[in-house]
Amino acid sequence: VQLQASGGGLVQAGGSLRLSCKVSRSILSTFIGLDIDWHRQAPGKERELVAGSTSGRRTVYADSVKGRFTISRDNNKKTVYLQMNNVEPEDTAVYYCTARSPSGAEFWGQGTLVTVSS
């Protein structure tokens, strides 16, 4: 399983951005069984969970992004999205997507940088 995050960039506060996490080297049934999360790490801060999507389609969000961010999955494209609306300068960070299989194996992709200007 390989993960490729994309979609980061520079956006003004109050704007929107959509991140994508493409999962490759996995068959569809494997993808469907994965729990996939988005994490972020801001300069000088610890990495934190932003949003998660379980294989059962349950979602979870950090309190700081509830109501602004939405995680979704497209099984046909084997891609997970993070729609970021009404972004704030505090959302500036490197965003990573991660996957966890039913057996507990974890996979990390490279990050994509999101910079929010005030």
PDB file of N, CA and C in Angstrom:
ATOM      1  N   VAL A   1       0.849  -1.193   0.000  1.00  0.00           N
ATOM      2  CA  VAL A   1       0.000   0.000   0.000  1.00  0.00           C
ATOM      3  C   VAL A   1       0.883   1.241   0.000  1.00  0.00           C
ATOM      4  N   GLN A   2       0.595   2.137  -0.929  1.00  0.00           N
ATOM      5  CA  GLN A   2       1.305   3.418  -0.969  1.00  0.00           C
ATOM      6  C   GLN A   2       0.285   4.540  -0.958  1.00  0.00           C
ATOM      7  N   LEU A   3       0.626   5.627  -0.296  1.00  0.00           N
ATOM      8  CA  LEU A   3      -0.264   6.769  -0.207  1.00  0.00           C
ATOM      9  C   LEU A   3       0.429   8.000  -0.799  1.00  0.00           C
ATOM     10  N   GLN A   4      -0.311   8.745  -1.577  1.00  0.00           N
ATOM     11  CA  GLN A   4       0.218   9.949  -2.218  1.00  0.00           C
ATOM     12  C   GLN A   4      -0.728  11.100  -1.914  1.00  0.00           C
ATOM     13  N   ALA A   5      -0.262  12.029  -1.087  1.00  0.00           N
ATOM     14  CA  ALA A   5      -1.071  13.196  -0.750  1.00  0.00           C
ATOM     15  C   ALA A   5      -0.771  14.327  -1.718  1.00  0.00           C
ATOM     16  N   SER A   6      -1.794  15.095  -2.037  1.00  0.00           N
ATOM     17  CA  SER A   6      -1.626  16.234  -2.936  1.00  0.00           C
ATOM     18  C   SER A   6      -2.706  17.268  -2.650  1.00  0.00           C
ATOM     19  N   GLY A   7      -2.554  18.426  -3.245  1.00  0.00           N
ATOM     20  CA  GLY A   7      -3.575  19.457  -3.130  1.00  0.00           C
ATOM     21  C   GLY A   7      -3.220  20.612  -2.225  1.00  0.00           C
ATOM     22  N   GLY A   8      -2.085  20.534  -1.566  1.00  0.00           N
ATOM     23  CA  GLY A   8      -1.683  21.632  -0.693  1.00  0.00           C
ATOM     24  C   GLY A   8      -1.304  22.862  -1.494  1.00  0.00           C
ATOM     25  N   GLY A   9      -1.165  23.969  -0.787  1.00  0.00           N
ATOM     26  CA  GLY A   9      -0.792  25.208  -1.447  1.00  0.00           C
ATOM     27  C   GLY A   9      -1.024  26.386  -0.536  1.00  0.00           C
ATOM     28  N   LEU A  10      -0.996  27.553  -1.136  1.00  0.00           N
ATOM     29  CA  LEU A  10      -1.219  28.798  -0.404  1.00  0.00           C
ATOM     30  C   LEU A  10      -2.666  29.244  -0.598  1.00  0.00           C
ATOM     31  N   VAL A  11      -3.325  29.554   0.509  1.00  0.00           N
ATOM     32  CA  VAL A  11      -4.724  29.986   0.451  1.00  0.00           C
ATOM     33  C   VAL A  11      -4.926  31.092   1.482  1.00  0.00           C
ATOM     34  N   GLN A  12      -5.817  32.007   1.174  1.00  0.00           N
ATOM     35  CA  GLN A  12      -6.114  33.079   2.111  1.00  0.00           C
ATOM     36  C   GLN A  12      -7.070  32.607   3.199  1.00  0.00           C
ATOM     37  N   ALA A  13      -6.968  33.206   4.349  1.00  0.00           N
ATOM     38  CA  ALA A  13      -7.891  32.886   5.432  1.00  0.00           C
ATOM     39  C   ALA A  13      -9.324  33.080   4.943  1.00  0.00           C
ATOM     40  N   GLY A  14     -10.169  32.131   5.314  1.00  0.00           N
ATOM     41  CA  GLY A  14     -11.557  32.147   4.862  1.00  0.00           C
ATOM     42  C   GLY A  14     -11.786  31.398   3.571  1.00  0.00           C
ATOM     43  N   GLY A  15     -10.728  31.010   2.916  1.00  0.00           N
ATOM     44  CA  GLY A  15     -10.838  30.295   1.653  1.00  0.00           C
ATOM     45  C   GLY A  15     -10.978  28.799   1.844  1.00  0.00           C
ATOM     46  N   SER A  16     -10.905  28.075   0.725  1.00  0.00           N
ATOM     47  CA  SER A  16     -11.095  26.624   0.736  1.00  0.00           C
ATOM     48  C   SER A  16      -9.969  25.936  -0.022  1.00  0.00           C
ATOM     49  N   LEU A  17      -9.782  24.678   0.344  1.00  0.00           N
ATOM     50  CA  LEU A  17      -8.756  23.850  -0.298  1.00  0.00           C
ATOM     51  C   LEU A  17      -9.209  22.406  -0.169  1.00  0.00           C
ATOM     52  N   ARG A  18      -8.916  21.590  -1.164  1.00  0.00           N
ATOM     53  CA  ARG A  18      -9.235  20.165  -1.066  1.00  0.00           C
ATOM     54  C   ARG A  18      -7.963  19.349  -1.223  1.00  0.00           C
ATOM     55  N   LEU A  19      -7.663  18.569  -0.214  1.00  0.00           N
ATOM     56  CA  LEU A  19      -6.530  17.660  -0.268  1.00  0.00           C
ATOM     57  C   LEU A  19      -6.999  16.286  -0.733  1.00  0.00           C
ATOM     58  N   SER A  20      -6.117  15.595  -1.451  1.00  0.00           N
ATOM     59  CA  SER A  20      -6.419  14.251  -1.933  1.00  0.00           C
ATOM     60  C   SER A  20      -5.353  13.287  -1.439  1.00  0.00           C
ATOM     61  N   CYS A  21      -5.768  12.084  -1.137  1.00  0.00           N
ATOM     62  CA  CYS A  21      -4.847  11.012  -0.748  1.00  0.00           C
ATOM     63  C   CYS A  21      -5.158   9.813  -1.632  1.00  0.00           C
ATOM     64  N   LYS A  22      -4.309   9.586  -2.598  1.00  0.00           N
ATOM     65  CA  LYS A  22      -4.497   8.461  -3.529  1.00  0.00           C
ATOM     66  C   LYS A  22      -3.793   7.239  -2.968  1.00  0.00           C
ATOM     67  N   VAL A  23      -4.526   6.151  -2.859  1.00  0.00           N
ATOM     68  CA  VAL A  23      -3.970   4.895  -2.355  1.00  0.00           C
ATOM     69  C   VAL A  23      -3.670   4.000  -3.541  1.00  0.00           C
ATOM     70  N   SER A  24      -2.433   3.600  -3.679  1.00  0.00           N
ATOM     71  CA  SER A  24      -2.043   2.744  -4.794  1.00  0.00           C
ATOM     72  C   SER A  24      -1.470   1.441  -4.253  1.00  0.00           C
ATOM     73  N   ARG A  25      -1.203   0.547  -5.177  1.00  0.00           N
ATOM     74  CA  ARG A  25      -0.681  -0.781  -4.826  1.00  0.00           C
ATOM     75  C   ARG A  25      -1.600  -1.492  -3.841  1.00  0.00           C
ATOM     76  N   SER A  26      -2.900  -1.325  -4.060  1.00  0.00           N
ATOM     77  CA  SER A  26      -3.872  -2.048  -3.248  1.00  0.00           C
ATOM     78  C   SER A  26      -5.073  -2.369  -4.112  1.00  0.00           C
ATOM     79  N   ILE A  27      -5.632  -3.550  -3.913  1.00  0.00           N
ATOM     80  CA  ILE A  27      -6.859  -3.879  -4.633  1.00  0.00           C
ATOM     81  C   ILE A  27      -8.026  -3.205  -3.934  1.00  0.00           C
ATOM     82  N   LEU A  28      -9.157  -3.155  -4.593  1.00  0.00           N
ATOM     83  CA  LEU A  28     -10.290  -2.398  -4.066  1.00  0.00           C
ATOM     84  C   LEU A  28     -10.712  -2.896  -2.690  1.00  0.00           C
ATOM     85  N   SER A  29     -10.762  -4.220  -2.509  1.00  0.00           N
ATOM     86  CA  SER A  29     -11.216  -4.748  -1.218  1.00  0.00           C
ATOM     87  C   SER A  29     -10.269  -4.346  -0.097  1.00  0.00           C
ATOM     88  N   THR A  30      -8.987  -4.243  -0.421  1.00  0.00           N
ATOM     89  CA  THR A  30      -8.017  -3.783   0.579  1.00  0.00           C
ATOM     90  C   THR A  30      -8.288  -2.340   0.937  1.00  0.00           C
ATOM     91  N   PHE A  31      -8.506  -1.505  -0.067  1.00  0.00           N
ATOM     92  CA  PHE A  31      -8.778  -0.098   0.192  1.00  0.00           C
ATOM     93  C   PHE A  31     -10.018   0.064   1.062  1.00  0.00           C
ATOM     94  N   ILE A  32     -11.068  -0.691   0.733  1.00  0.00           N
ATOM     95  CA  ILE A  32     -12.317  -0.551   1.482  1.00  0.00           C
ATOM     96  C   ILE A  32     -12.113  -0.905   2.952  1.00  0.00           C
ATOM     97  N   GLY A  33     -11.187  -1.809   3.227  1.00  0.00           N
ATOM     98  CA  GLY A  33     -10.953  -2.246   4.591  1.00  0.00           C
ATOM     99  C   GLY A  33     -10.025  -1.358   5.392  1.00  0.00           C
ATOM    100  N   LEU A  34      -9.498  -0.332   4.775  1.00  0.00           N
ATOM    101  CA  LEU A  34      -8.547   0.542   5.459  1.00  0.00           C
ATOM    102  C   LEU A  34      -9.254   1.644   6.255  1.00  0.00           C
ATOM    103  N   ASP A  35      -8.712   1.932   7.420  1.00  0.00           N
ATOM    104  CA  ASP A  35      -9.054   3.169   8.123  1.00  0.00           C
ATOM    105  C   ASP A  35      -8.047   4.205   7.638  1.00  0.00           C
ATOM    106  N   ILE A  36      -8.535   5.335   7.180  1.00  0.00           N
ATOM    107  CA  ILE A  36      -7.640   6.346   6.609  1.00  0.00           C
ATOM    108  C   ILE A  36      -7.844   7.666   7.339  1.00  0.00           C
ATOM    109  N   ASP A  37      -6.747   8.234   7.759  1.00  0.00           N
ATOM    110  CA  ASP A  37      -6.776   9.472   8.546  1.00  0.00           C
ATOM    111  C   ASP A  37      -5.955  10.547   7.858  1.00  0.00           C
ATOM    112  N   TRP A  38      -6.265  11.776   8.223  1.00  0.00           N
ATOM    113  CA  TRP A  38      -5.422  12.917   7.905  1.00  0.00           C
ATOM    114  C   TRP A  38      -4.835  13.447   9.218  1.00  0.00           C
ATOM    115  N   HIS A  39      -3.527  13.596   9.214  1.00  0.00           N
ATOM    116  CA  HIS A  39      -2.829  14.226  10.325  1.00  0.00           C
ATOM    117  C   HIS A  39      -2.184  15.509   9.816  1.00  0.00           C
ATOM    118  N   ARG A  40      -1.762  16.355  10.735  1.00  0.00           N
ATOM    119  CA  ARG A  40      -1.007  17.543  10.339  1.00  0.00           C
ATOM    120  C   ARG A  40       0.042  17.860  11.398  1.00  0.00           C
ATOM    121  N   GLN A  41       1.076  18.528  10.953  1.00  0.00           N
ATOM    122  CA  GLN A  41       2.116  18.972  11.869  1.00  0.00           C
ATOM    123  C   GLN A  41       2.519  20.392  11.500  1.00  0.00           C
ATOM    124  N   ALA A  42       2.274  21.288  12.431  1.00  0.00           N
ATOM    125  CA  ALA A  42       2.653  22.686  12.240  1.00  0.00           C
ATOM    126  C   ALA A  42       4.056  22.899  12.786  1.00  0.00           C
ATOM    127  N   PRO A  43       4.747  23.923  12.309  1.00  0.00           N
ATOM    128  CA  PRO A  43       6.110  24.193  12.794  1.00  0.00           C
ATOM    129  C   PRO A  43       6.138  24.344  14.306  1.00  0.00           C
ATOM    130  N   GLY A  44       7.023  23.590  14.947  1.00  0.00           N
ATOM    131  CA  GLY A  44       7.181  23.696  16.381  1.00  0.00           C
ATOM    132  C   GLY A  44       6.110  23.009  17.196  1.00  0.00           C
ATOM    133  N   LYS A  45       5.201  22.297  16.525  1.00  0.00           N
ATOM    134  CA  LYS A  45       4.119  21.627  17.241  1.00  0.00           C
ATOM    135  C   LYS A  45       4.145  20.130  16.976  1.00  0.00           C
ATOM    136  N   GLU A  46       3.453  19.403  17.833  1.00  0.00           N
ATOM    137  CA  GLU A  46       3.367  17.959  17.641  1.00  0.00           C
ATOM    138  C   GLU A  46       2.364  17.625  16.541  1.00  0.00           C
ATOM    139  N   ARG A  47       2.552  16.474  15.955  1.00  0.00           N
ATOM    140  CA  ARG A  47       1.617  16.002  14.944  1.00  0.00           C
ATOM    141  C   ARG A  47       0.274  15.715  15.603  1.00  0.00           C
ATOM    142  N   GLU A  48      -0.811  16.047  14.923  1.00  0.00           N
ATOM    143  CA  GLU A  48      -2.131  15.818  15.483  1.00  0.00           C
ATOM    144  C   GLU A  48      -3.067  15.226  14.440  1.00  0.00           C
ATOM    145  N   LEU A  49      -4.032  14.475  14.929  1.00  0.00           N
ATOM    146  CA  LEU A  49      -5.071  13.918  14.059  1.00  0.00           C
ATOM    147  C   LEU A  49      -6.046  15.028  13.690  1.00  0.00           C
ATOM    148  N   VAL A  50      -6.313  15.169  12.420  1.00  0.00           N
ATOM    149  CA  VAL A  50      -7.260  16.181  11.932  1.00  0.00           C
ATOM    150  C   VAL A  50      -8.625  15.548  11.671  1.00  0.00           C
ATOM    151  N   ALA A  51      -8.622  14.447  10.929  1.00  0.00           N
ATOM    152  CA  ALA A  51      -9.880  13.781  10.583  1.00  0.00           C
ATOM    153  C   ALA A  51      -9.583  12.327  10.249  1.00  0.00           C
ATOM    154  N   GLY A  52     -10.560  11.477  10.513  1.00  0.00           N
ATOM    155  CA  GLY A  52     -10.390  10.060  10.237  1.00  0.00           C
ATOM    156  C   GLY A  52     -11.631   9.466   9.616  1.00  0.00           C
ATOM    157  N   SER A  53     -11.427   8.457   8.780  1.00  0.00           N
ATOM    158  CA  SER A  53     -12.527   7.752   8.126  1.00  0.00           C
ATOM    159  C   SER A  53     -12.274   6.264   8.276  1.00  0.00           C
ATOM    160  N   THR A  54     -13.161   5.582   9.002  1.00  0.00           N
ATOM    161  CA  THR A  54     -12.968   4.151   9.187  1.00  0.00           C
ATOM    162  C   THR A  54     -13.510   3.371   8.002  1.00  0.00           C
ATOM    163  N   SER A  55     -13.166   2.082   7.964  1.00  0.00           N
ATOM    164  CA  SER A  55     -13.671   1.229   6.890  1.00  0.00           C
ATOM    165  C   SER A  55     -15.188   1.141   6.935  1.00  0.00           C
ATOM    166  N   GLY A  56     -15.769   1.365   8.109  1.00  0.00           N
ATOM    167  CA  GLY A  56     -17.208   1.350   8.251  1.00  0.00           C
ATOM    168  C   GLY A  56     -17.847   2.691   7.989  1.00  0.00           C
ATOM    169  N   ARG A  57     -17.072   3.608   7.407  1.00  0.00           N
ATOM    170  CA  ARG A  57     -17.538   4.935   7.011  1.00  0.00           C
ATOM    171  C   ARG A  57     -17.845   5.838   8.196  1.00  0.00           C
ATOM    172  N   ARG A  58     -17.383   5.463   9.382  1.00  0.00           N
ATOM    173  CA  ARG A  58     -17.532   6.376  10.521  1.00  0.00           C
ATOM    174  C   ARG A  58     -16.444   7.437  10.415  1.00  0.00           C
ATOM    175  N   THR A  59     -16.770   8.654  10.756  1.00  0.00           N
ATOM    176  CA  THR A  59     -15.798   9.741  10.671  1.00  0.00           C
ATOM    177  C   THR A  59     -15.570  10.363  12.042  1.00  0.00           C
ATOM    178  N   VAL A  60     -14.390  10.928  12.186  1.00  0.00           N
ATOM    179  CA  VAL A  60     -14.035  11.615  13.424  1.00  0.00           C
ATOM    180  C   VAL A  60     -13.234  12.854  13.063  1.00  0.00           C
ATOM    181  N   TYR A  61     -13.413  13.911  13.842  1.00  0.00           N
ATOM    182  CA  TYR A  61     -12.740  15.174  13.561  1.00  0.00           C
ATOM    183  C   TYR A  61     -12.149  15.761  14.835  1.00  0.00           C
ATOM    184  N   ALA A  62     -11.035  16.455  14.678  1.00  0.00           N
ATOM    185  CA  ALA A  62     -10.495  17.254  15.785  1.00  0.00           C
ATOM    186  C   ALA A  62     -11.465  18.398  16.066  1.00  0.00           C
ATOM    187  N   ASP A  63     -11.563  18.775  17.311  1.00  0.00           N
ATOM    188  CA  ASP A  63     -12.492  19.851  17.676  1.00  0.00           C
ATOM    189  C   ASP A  63     -12.188  21.131  16.905  1.00  0.00           C
ATOM    190  N   SER A  64     -10.918  21.356  16.621  1.00  0.00           N
ATOM    191  CA  SER A  64     -10.516  22.605  15.969  1.00  0.00           C
ATOM    192  C   SER A  64     -10.982  22.717  14.523  1.00  0.00           C
ATOM    193  N   VAL A  65     -11.389  21.595  13.917  1.00  0.00           N
ATOM    194  CA  VAL A  65     -11.787  21.639  12.503  1.00  0.00           C
ATOM    195  C   VAL A  65     -13.248  21.242  12.292  1.00  0.00           C
ATOM    196  N   LYS A  66     -13.926  20.853  13.348  1.00  0.00           N
ATOM    197  CA  LYS A  66     -15.331  20.447  13.211  1.00  0.00           C
ATOM    198  C   LYS A  66     -16.159  21.570  12.602  1.00  0.00           C
ATOM    199  N   GLY A  67     -16.981  21.203  11.635  1.00  0.00           N
ATOM    200  CA  GLY A  67     -17.816  22.193  10.968  1.00  0.00           C
ATOM    201  C   GLY A  67     -17.124  22.906   9.824  1.00  0.00           C
ATOM    202  N   ARG A  68     -15.819  22.734   9.708  1.00  0.00           N
ATOM    203  CA  ARG A  68     -15.066  23.390   8.629  1.00  0.00           C
ATOM    204  C   ARG A  68     -14.460  22.378   7.659  1.00  0.00           C
ATOM    205  N   PHE A  69     -14.004  21.242   8.157  1.00  0.00           N
ATOM    206  CA  PHE A  69     -13.353  20.230   7.328  1.00  0.00           C
ATOM    207  C   PHE A  69     -14.274  19.032   7.170  1.00  0.00           C
ATOM    208  N   THR A  70     -14.182  18.372   6.021  1.00  0.00           N
ATOM    209  CA  THR A  70     -14.955  17.165   5.767  1.00  0.00           C
ATOM    210  C   THR A  70     -14.057  16.127   5.112  1.00  0.00           C
ATOM    211  N   ILE A  71     -14.061  14.930   5.674  1.00  0.00           N
ATOM    212  CA  ILE A  71     -13.311  13.817   5.083  1.00  0.00           C
ATOM    213  C   ILE A  71     -14.282  12.942   4.318  1.00  0.00           C
ATOM    214  N   SER A  72     -13.867  12.487   3.142  1.00  0.00           N
ATOM    215  CA  SER A  72     -14.732  11.622   2.337  1.00  0.00           C
ATOM    216  C   SER A  72     -13.875  10.638   1.557  1.00  0.00           C
ATOM    217  N   ARG A  73     -14.516   9.580   1.081  1.00  0.00           N
ATOM    218  CA  ARG A  73     -13.798   8.539   0.349  1.00  0.00           C
ATOM    219  C   ARG A  73     -14.496   8.275  -0.965  1.00  0.00           C
ATOM    220  N   ASP A  74     -13.701   8.019  -2.004  1.00  0.00           N
ATOM    221  CA  ASP A  74     -14.205   7.569  -3.301  1.00  0.00           C
ATOM    222  C   ASP A  74     -13.573   6.205  -3.543  1.00  0.00           C
ATOM    223  N   ASN A  75     -14.347   5.154  -3.329  1.00  0.00           N
ATOM    224  CA  ASN A  75     -13.782   3.807  -3.456  1.00  0.00           C
ATOM    225  C   ASN A  75     -13.350   3.517  -4.886  1.00  0.00           C
ATOM    226  N   ASN A  76     -14.107   3.983  -5.848  1.00  0.00           N
ATOM    227  CA  ASN A  76     -13.758   3.698  -7.243  1.00  0.00           C
ATOM    228  C   ASN A  76     -12.393   4.281  -7.609  1.00  0.00           C
ATOM    229  N   LYS A  77     -12.082   5.424  -7.039  1.00  0.00           N
ATOM    230  CA  LYS A  77     -10.800   6.064  -7.316  1.00  0.00           C
ATOM    231  C   LYS A  77      -9.750   5.719  -6.266  1.00  0.00           C
ATOM    232  N   LYS A  78     -10.149   4.979  -5.233  1.00  0.00           N
ATOM    233  CA  LYS A  78      -9.247   4.630  -4.139  1.00  0.00           C
ATOM    234  C   LYS A  78      -8.555   5.883  -3.603  1.00  0.00           C
ATOM    235  N   THR A  79      -9.379   6.863  -3.354  1.00  0.00           N
ATOM    236  CA  THR A  79      -8.887   8.166  -2.930  1.00  0.00           C
ATOM    237  C   THR A  79      -9.715   8.669  -1.744  1.00  0.00           C
ATOM    238  N   VAL A  80      -9.025   9.304  -0.815  1.00  0.00           N
ATOM    239  CA  VAL A  80      -9.682   9.948   0.315  1.00  0.00           C
ATOM    240  C   VAL A  80      -9.415  11.446   0.217  1.00  0.00           C
ATOM    241  N   TYR A  81     -10.448  12.229   0.478  1.00  0.00           N
ATOM    242  CA  TYR A  81     -10.345  13.676   0.339  1.00  0.00           C
ATOM    243  C   TYR A  81     -10.487  14.350   1.704  1.00  0.00           C
ATOM    244  N   LEU A  82      -9.885  15.507   1.815  1.00  0.00           N
ATOM    245  CA  LEU A  82     -10.117  16.375   2.967  1.00  0.00           C
ATOM    246  C   LEU A  82     -10.505  17.740   2.413  1.00  0.00           C
ATOM    247  N   GLN A  83     -11.794  18.044   2.506  1.00  0.00           N
ATOM    248  CA  GLN A  83     -12.280  19.347   2.081  1.00  0.00           C
ATOM    249  C   GLN A  83     -12.117  20.313   3.236  1.00  0.00           C
ATOM    250  N   MET A  84     -11.366  21.370   2.984  1.00  0.00           N
ATOM    251  CA  MET A  84     -11.064  22.355   4.030  1.00  0.00           C
ATOM    252  C   MET A  84     -11.752  23.665   3.661  1.00  0.00           C
ATOM    253  N   ASN A  85     -12.720  24.074   4.446  1.00  0.00           N
ATOM    254  CA  ASN A  85     -13.431  25.325   4.210  1.00  0.00           C
ATOM    255  C   ASN A  85     -13.161  26.303   5.345  1.00  0.00           C
ATOM    256  N   ASN A  86     -13.327  27.570   5.022  1.00  0.00           N
ATOM    257  CA  ASN A  86     -13.141  28.625   6.036  1.00  0.00           C
ATOM    258  C   ASN A  86     -11.825  28.423   6.793  1.00  0.00           C
ATOM    259  N   VAL A  87     -10.754  28.241   6.048  1.00  0.00           N
ATOM    260  CA  VAL A  87      -9.466  27.947   6.673  1.00  0.00           C
ATOM    261  C   VAL A  87      -8.970  29.140   7.474  1.00  0.00           C
ATOM    262  N   GLU A  88      -8.138  28.823   8.452  1.00  0.00           N
ATOM    263  CA  GLU A  88      -7.587  29.829   9.358  1.00  0.00           C
ATOM    264  C   GLU A  88      -6.065  29.733   9.337  1.00  0.00           C
ATOM    265  N   PRO A  89      -5.370  30.816   9.700  1.00  0.00           N
ATOM    266  CA  PRO A  89      -3.898  30.739   9.726  1.00  0.00           C
ATOM    267  C   PRO A  89      -3.397  29.587  10.595  1.00  0.00           C
ATOM    268  N   GLU A  90      -4.173  29.239  11.621  1.00  0.00           N
ATOM    269  CA  GLU A  90      -3.771  28.126  12.500  1.00  0.00           C
ATOM    270  C   GLU A  90      -3.817  26.766  11.801  1.00  0.00           C
ATOM    271  N   ASP A  91      -4.410  26.714  10.628  1.00  0.00           N
ATOM    272  CA  ASP A  91      -4.452  25.468   9.860  1.00  0.00           C
ATOM    273  C   ASP A  91      -3.169  25.255   9.057  1.00  0.00           C
ATOM    274  N   THR A  92      -2.280  26.215   9.067  1.00  0.00           N
ATOM    275  CA  THR A  92      -1.016  26.078   8.352  1.00  0.00           C
ATOM    276  C   THR A  92      -0.213  24.921   8.930  1.00  0.00           C
ATOM    277  N   ALA A  93       0.136  23.971   8.063  1.00  0.00           N
ATOM    278  CA  ALA A  93       0.852  22.779   8.520  1.00  0.00           C
ATOM    279  C   ALA A  93       1.171  21.907   7.315  1.00  0.00           C
ATOM    280  N   VAL A  94       1.984  20.898   7.563  1.00  0.00           N
ATOM    281  CA  VAL A  94       2.156  19.822   6.590  1.00  0.00           C
ATOM    282  C   VAL A  94       1.102  18.765   6.921  1.00  0.00           C
ATOM    283  N   TYR A  95       0.319  18.410   5.937  1.00  0.00           N
ATOM    284  CA  TYR A  95      -0.764  17.443   6.112  1.00  0.00           C
ATOM    285  C   TYR A  95      -0.334  16.090   5.548  1.00  0.00           C
ATOM    286  N   TYR A  96      -0.569  15.046   6.331  1.00  0.00           N
ATOM    287  CA  TYR A  96      -0.208  13.681   5.956  1.00  0.00           C
ATOM    288  C   TYR A  96      -1.457  12.807   5.951  1.00  0.00           C
ATOM    289  N   CYS A  97      -1.526  11.897   5.013  1.00  0.00           N
ATOM    290  CA  CYS A  97      -2.571  10.880   5.101  1.00  0.00           C
ATOM    291  C   CYS A  97      -1.928   9.570   5.542  1.00  0.00           C
ATOM    292  N   THR A  98      -2.661   8.840   6.339  1.00  0.00           N
ATOM    293  CA  THR A  98      -2.178   7.570   6.866  1.00  0.00           C
ATOM    294  C   THR A  98      -3.276   6.528   6.697  1.00  0.00           C
ATOM    295  N   ALA A  99      -2.851   5.284   6.636  1.00  0.00           N
ATOM    296  CA  ALA A  99      -3.805   4.195   6.498  1.00  0.00           C
ATOM    297  C   ALA A  99      -3.465   3.102   7.499  1.00  0.00           C
ATOM    298  N   ARG A 100      -4.501   2.416   7.940  1.00  0.00           N
ATOM    299  CA  ARG A 100      -4.318   1.334   8.909  1.00  0.00           C
ATOM    300  C   ARG A 100      -5.178   0.160   8.457  1.00  0.00           C
ATOM    301  N   SER A 101      -4.534  -1.003   8.307  1.00  0.00           N
ATOM    302  CA  SER A 101      -5.253  -2.188   7.839  1.00  0.00           C
ATOM    303  C   SER A 101      -5.918  -2.897   9.017  1.00  0.00           C
ATOM    304  N   PRO A 102      -6.832  -3.809   8.733  1.00  0.00           N
ATOM    305  CA  PRO A 102      -7.464  -4.575   9.820  1.00  0.00           C
ATOM    306  C   PRO A 102      -6.451  -5.349  10.667  1.00  0.00           C
ATOM    307  N   SER A 103      -5.306  -5.694  10.103  1.00  0.00           N
ATOM    308  CA  SER A 103      -4.278  -6.428  10.850  1.00  0.00           C
ATOM    309  C   SER A 103      -3.435  -5.501  11.709  1.00  0.00           C
ATOM    310  N   GLY A 104      -3.632  -4.199  11.575  1.00  0.00           N
ATOM    311  CA  GLY A 104      -2.886  -3.237  12.374  1.00  0.00           C
ATOM    312  C   GLY A 104      -1.694  -2.623  11.684  1.00  0.00           C
ATOM    313  N   ALA A 105      -1.404  -3.041  10.465  1.00  0.00           N
ATOM    314  CA  ALA A 105      -0.289  -2.445   9.727  1.00  0.00           C
ATOM    315  C   ALA A 105      -0.603  -0.988   9.408  1.00  0.00           C
ATOM    316  N   GLU A 106       0.396  -0.127   9.549  1.00  0.00           N
ATOM    317  CA  GLU A 106       0.202   1.293   9.297  1.00  0.00           C
ATOM    318  C   GLU A 106       1.047   1.750   8.114  1.00  0.00           C
ATOM    319  N   PHE A 107       0.496   2.670   7.360  1.00  0.00           N
ATOM    320  CA  PHE A 107       1.171   3.195   6.188  1.00  0.00           C
ATOM    321  C   PHE A 107       1.071   4.722   6.213  1.00  0.00           C
ATOM    322  N   TRP A 108       2.167   5.358   5.850  1.00  0.00           N
ATOM    323  CA  TRP A 108       2.196   6.819   5.817  1.00  0.00           C
ATOM    324  C   TRP A 108       2.604   7.285   4.431  1.00  0.00           C
ATOM    325  N   GLY A 109       1.997   8.370   4.000  1.00  0.00           N
ATOM    326  CA  GLY A 109       2.406   9.000   2.759  1.00  0.00           C
ATOM    327  C   GLY A 109       3.281  10.207   3.052  1.00  0.00           C
ATOM    328  N   GLN A 110       3.811  10.793   2.006  1.00  0.00           N
ATOM    329  CA  GLN A 110       4.565  12.035   2.197  1.00  0.00           C
ATOM    330  C   GLN A 110       3.563  13.152   2.440  1.00  0.00           C
ATOM    331  N   GLY A 111       3.987  14.221   3.024  1.00  0.00           N
ATOM    332  CA  GLY A 111       3.060  15.285   3.359  1.00  0.00           C
ATOM    333  C   GLY A 111       2.853  16.271   2.222  1.00  0.00           C
ATOM    334  N   THR A 112       1.810  17.060   2.385  1.00  0.00           N
ATOM    335  CA  THR A 112       1.563  18.167   1.475  1.00  0.00           C
ATOM    336  C   THR A 112       1.379  19.425   2.317  1.00  0.00           C
ATOM    337  N   LEU A 113       2.051  20.500   1.918  1.00  0.00           N
ATOM    338  CA  LEU A 113       2.087  21.703   2.733  1.00  0.00           C
ATOM    339  C   LEU A 113       0.892  22.601   2.441  1.00  0.00           C
ATOM    340  N   VAL A 114       0.217  23.006   3.497  1.00  0.00           N
ATOM    341  CA  VAL A 114      -0.869  23.975   3.411  1.00  0.00           C
ATOM    342  C   VAL A 114      -0.441  25.229   4.165  1.00  0.00           C
ATOM    343  N   THR A 115      -0.495  26.349   3.475  1.00  0.00           N
ATOM    344  CA  THR A 115      -0.143  27.625   4.094  1.00  0.00           C
ATOM    345  C   THR A 115      -1.336  28.568   3.976  1.00  0.00           C
ATOM    346  N   VAL A 116      -1.804  29.056   5.113  1.00  0.00           N
ATOM    347  CA  VAL A 116      -2.956  29.959   5.133  1.00  0.00           C
ATOM    348  C   VAL A 116      -2.459  31.349   5.513  1.00  0.00           C
ATOM    349  N   SER A 117      -2.693  32.287   4.626  1.00  0.00           N
ATOM    350  CA  SER A 117      -2.270  33.663   4.878  1.00  0.00           C
ATOM    351  C   SER A 117      -3.419  34.455   5.506  1.00  0.00           C
ATOM    352  N   SER A 118      -3.050  35.366   6.396  1.00  0.00           N
ATOM    353  CA  SER A 118      -4.084  36.158   7.074  1.00  0.00           C
ATOM    354  C   SER A 118      -4.370  37.449   6.319  1.00  0.00           C
TER     355      SER A 118
END
